[in-house]
Amino acid sequence: MHMSANDEYVSPSAQATIHQGLKDNPLVTIYRYEGVSHGFSRMGNSAYRKEAAELARDRTLAFLKQHLGSGVKV
């Protein structure tokens, strides 16, 4: 799960609740991106932040390759 630290749609208290509820679940990894807001990974969006977007993309691709297998092109 990718969460922007400054997400205007998910309050800090809601983010804390999500973290608290999922922190012990071995099937969930939560990545928090400091200094970015909602839509940080969407090209063309005013909130787009290339460095954070590329990190989120790389983490997502690694997850897909790990769980779908190396024979799947992503």
N, C-alpha and C. Protein backbone atom coordinates (compact mmCIF):
# COMPACT_ATOMS: atom_id res chain seq x y z
N MET A 1 0.84 -1.16 0.00
CA MET A 1 0.00 0.00 0.00
C MET A 1 0.90 1.23 0.00
N HIS A 2 0.59 2.16 -0.88
CA HIS A 2 1.36 3.40 -0.98
C HIS A 2 0.52 4.53 -0.39
N MET A 3 1.09 5.26 0.57
CA MET A 3 0.36 6.36 1.20
C MET A 3 1.21 7.63 1.16
N SER A 4 0.60 8.70 0.72
CA SER A 4 1.30 9.98 0.74
C SER A 4 1.08 10.63 2.10
N ALA A 5 2.15 11.14 2.67
CA ALA A 5 2.09 11.71 4.02
C ALA A 5 1.16 12.91 4.09
N ASN A 6 1.05 13.65 3.02
CA ASN A 6 0.24 14.87 3.01
C ASN A 6 -1.04 14.70 2.20
N ASP A 7 -1.62 13.51 2.26
CA ASP A 7 -2.82 13.22 1.46
C ASP A 7 -4.01 14.01 2.00
N GLU A 8 -4.57 14.86 1.16
CA GLU A 8 -5.70 15.68 1.60
C GLU A 8 -7.01 14.91 1.67
N TYR A 9 -7.02 13.65 1.18
CA TYR A 9 -8.22 12.84 1.23
C TYR A 9 -8.18 11.80 2.35
N VAL A 10 -7.00 11.54 2.90
CA VAL A 10 -6.85 10.57 3.99
C VAL A 10 -6.13 11.30 5.12
N SER A 11 -6.88 11.64 6.14
CA SER A 11 -6.34 12.44 7.24
C SER A 11 -5.24 11.70 7.99
N PRO A 12 -4.41 12.42 8.71
CA PRO A 12 -3.38 11.76 9.52
C PRO A 12 -3.97 10.74 10.50
N SER A 13 -5.12 11.03 11.08
CA SER A 13 -5.73 10.07 12.01
C SER A 13 -6.23 8.83 11.26
N ALA A 14 -6.76 9.02 10.05
CA ALA A 14 -7.18 7.87 9.25
C ALA A 14 -5.97 7.03 8.84
N GLN A 15 -4.88 7.70 8.48
CA GLN A 15 -3.67 6.97 8.13
C GLN A 15 -3.15 6.18 9.32
N ALA A 16 -3.20 6.78 10.50
CA ALA A 16 -2.75 6.09 11.71
C ALA A 16 -3.62 4.86 11.99
N THR A 17 -4.92 4.99 11.76
CA THR A 17 -5.83 3.86 11.96
C THR A 17 -5.51 2.73 10.98
N ILE A 18 -5.25 3.09 9.74
CA ILE A 18 -4.88 2.08 8.73
C ILE A 18 -3.59 1.38 9.14
N HIS A 19 -2.59 2.14 9.52
CA HIS A 19 -1.31 1.56 9.95
C HIS A 19 -1.52 0.63 11.15
N GLN A 20 -2.27 1.10 12.13
CA GLN A 20 -2.50 0.31 13.34
C GLN A 20 -3.21 -1.00 13.00
N GLY A 21 -4.19 -0.93 12.12
CA GLY A 21 -4.96 -2.11 11.77
C GLY A 21 -4.21 -3.12 10.92
N LEU A 22 -3.22 -2.67 10.19
CA LEU A 22 -2.53 -3.57 9.25
C LEU A 22 -1.08 -3.88 9.62
N LYS A 23 -0.55 -3.23 10.63
CA LYS A 23 0.89 -3.35 10.92
C LYS A 23 1.34 -4.78 11.22
N ASP A 24 0.47 -5.61 11.75
CA ASP A 24 0.86 -6.98 12.10
C ASP A 24 0.47 -7.99 11.02
N ASN A 25 -0.09 -7.53 9.93
CA ASN A 25 -0.49 -8.41 8.85
C ASN A 25 0.71 -8.66 7.94
N PRO A 26 1.19 -9.90 7.89
CA PRO A 26 2.39 -10.19 7.09
C PRO A 26 2.14 -10.08 5.58
N LEU A 27 0.89 -9.98 5.18
CA LEU A 27 0.57 -9.88 3.76
C LEU A 27 0.49 -8.44 3.27
N VAL A 28 0.68 -7.49 4.19
CA VAL A 28 0.54 -6.08 3.84
C VAL A 28 1.83 -5.33 4.15
N THR A 29 2.29 -4.57 3.19
CA THR A 29 3.40 -3.65 3.39
C THR A 29 2.88 -2.26 3.08
N ILE A 30 3.10 -1.35 4.00
CA ILE A 30 2.66 0.03 3.80
C ILE A 30 3.89 0.91 3.61
N TYR A 31 3.90 1.61 2.49
CA TYR A 31 4.97 2.56 2.21
C TYR A 31 4.40 3.97 2.37
N ARG A 32 5.08 4.78 3.13
CA ARG A 32 4.66 6.16 3.36
C ARG A 32 5.66 7.08 2.66
N TYR A 33 5.14 7.99 1.88
CA TYR A 33 5.97 8.91 1.11
C TYR A 33 5.85 10.31 1.71
N GLU A 34 6.93 10.75 2.33
CA GLU A 34 6.96 12.04 3.00
C GLU A 34 7.03 13.18 1.98
N GLY A 35 6.38 14.27 2.30
CA GLY A 35 6.47 15.47 1.48
C GLY A 35 5.68 15.44 0.18
N VAL A 36 4.82 14.45 0.02
CA VAL A 36 4.01 14.39 -1.20
C VAL A 36 2.53 14.31 -0.82
N SER A 37 1.68 14.66 -1.78
CA SER A 37 0.25 14.62 -1.52
C SER A 37 -0.44 13.65 -2.48
N HIS A 38 -1.75 13.55 -2.34
CA HIS A 38 -2.55 12.64 -3.13
C HIS A 38 -2.28 12.86 -4.62
N GLY A 39 -2.08 11.79 -5.35
CA GLY A 39 -1.83 11.89 -6.78
C GLY A 39 -0.37 12.07 -7.14
N PHE A 40 0.51 11.86 -6.18
CA PHE A 40 1.95 12.09 -6.41
C PHE A 40 2.53 11.23 -7.52
N SER A 41 1.88 10.12 -7.83
CA SER A 41 2.44 9.21 -8.84
C SER A 41 1.75 9.34 -10.20
N ARG A 42 0.82 10.26 -10.32
CA ARG A 42 0.07 10.43 -11.57
C ARG A 42 0.69 11.52 -12.43
N MET A 43 1.34 11.11 -13.52
CA MET A 43 1.93 12.09 -14.44
C MET A 43 0.86 13.05 -14.93
N GLY A 44 1.23 14.30 -15.03
CA GLY A 44 0.30 15.31 -15.48
C GLY A 44 -0.48 15.96 -14.35
N ASN A 45 -0.47 15.34 -13.19
CA ASN A 45 -1.13 15.89 -12.01
C ASN A 45 -0.21 16.94 -11.39
N SER A 46 -0.78 18.01 -10.88
CA SER A 46 0.06 19.05 -10.25
C SER A 46 0.79 18.52 -9.02
N ALA A 47 0.31 17.43 -8.43
CA ALA A 47 0.96 16.84 -7.25
C ALA A 47 2.07 15.85 -7.62
N TYR A 48 2.24 15.59 -8.92
CA TYR A 48 3.22 14.59 -9.37
C TYR A 48 4.62 14.92 -8.84
N ARG A 49 5.25 13.89 -8.27
CA ARG A 49 6.63 14.01 -7.78
C ARG A 49 7.40 12.81 -8.33
N LYS A 50 8.25 13.08 -9.30
CA LYS A 50 8.93 12.03 -10.06
C LYS A 50 9.66 11.02 -9.18
N GLU A 51 10.46 11.49 -8.24
CA GLU A 51 11.26 10.57 -7.43
C GLU A 51 10.38 9.61 -6.63
N ALA A 52 9.37 10.14 -5.97
CA ALA A 52 8.47 9.29 -5.18
C ALA A 52 7.66 8.38 -6.09
N ALA A 53 7.23 8.89 -7.24
CA ALA A 53 6.45 8.10 -8.19
C ALA A 53 7.26 6.92 -8.71
N GLU A 54 8.52 7.16 -9.04
CA GLU A 54 9.37 6.08 -9.54
C GLU A 54 9.64 5.04 -8.46
N LEU A 55 9.82 5.48 -7.23
CA LEU A 55 10.02 4.54 -6.13
C LEU A 55 8.77 3.68 -5.93
N ALA A 56 7.60 4.30 -5.95
CA ALA A 56 6.35 3.56 -5.80
C ALA A 56 6.17 2.57 -6.95
N ARG A 57 6.48 3.00 -8.17
CA ARG A 57 6.38 2.11 -9.34
C ARG A 57 7.32 0.92 -9.19
N ASP A 58 8.56 1.18 -8.81
CA ASP A 58 9.54 0.10 -8.66
C ASP A 58 9.10 -0.89 -7.59
N ARG A 59 8.56 -0.39 -6.50
CA ARG A 59 8.09 -1.27 -5.42
C ARG A 59 6.90 -2.10 -5.89
N THR A 60 6.01 -1.49 -6.67
CA THR A 60 4.86 -2.21 -7.19
C THR A 60 5.29 -3.29 -8.17
N LEU A 61 6.21 -2.97 -9.07
CA LEU A 61 6.70 -3.96 -10.03
C LEU A 61 7.40 -5.12 -9.33
N ALA A 62 8.19 -4.83 -8.31
CA ALA A 62 8.86 -5.89 -7.55
C ALA A 62 7.83 -6.80 -6.89
N PHE A 63 6.77 -6.22 -6.34
CA PHE A 63 5.71 -7.00 -5.71
C PHE A 63 5.03 -7.91 -6.74
N LEU A 64 4.70 -7.35 -7.90
CA LEU A 64 4.03 -8.14 -8.93
C LEU A 64 4.92 -9.27 -9.42
N LYS A 65 6.18 -9.00 -9.65
CA LYS A 65 7.10 -10.06 -10.09
C LYS A 65 7.24 -11.14 -9.04
N GLN A 66 7.31 -10.75 -7.78
CA GLN A 66 7.45 -11.72 -6.69
C GLN A 66 6.22 -12.62 -6.60
N HIS A 67 5.04 -12.05 -6.75
CA HIS A 67 3.82 -12.80 -6.51
C HIS A 67 3.20 -13.41 -7.77
N LEU A 68 3.55 -12.90 -8.93
CA LEU A 68 3.02 -13.46 -10.17
C LEU A 68 4.02 -14.36 -10.87
N GLY A 69 5.27 -14.27 -10.48
CA GLY A 69 6.30 -15.10 -11.08
C GLY A 69 7.10 -14.35 -12.13
N SER A 70 8.26 -14.87 -12.40
CA SER A 70 9.18 -14.18 -13.31
C SER A 70 8.75 -14.30 -14.77
N GLY A 71 7.84 -15.21 -15.08
CA GLY A 71 7.40 -15.38 -16.46
C GLY A 71 6.38 -14.34 -16.91
N VAL A 72 5.90 -13.54 -15.99
CA VAL A 72 4.90 -12.54 -16.31
C VAL A 72 5.59 -11.22 -16.61
N LYS A 73 5.23 -10.63 -17.75
CA LYS A 73 5.82 -9.33 -18.09
C LYS A 73 4.97 -8.23 -17.47
N VAL A 74 5.64 -7.36 -16.73
CA VAL A 74 4.93 -6.22 -16.12
C VAL A 74 5.60 -4.94 -16.52
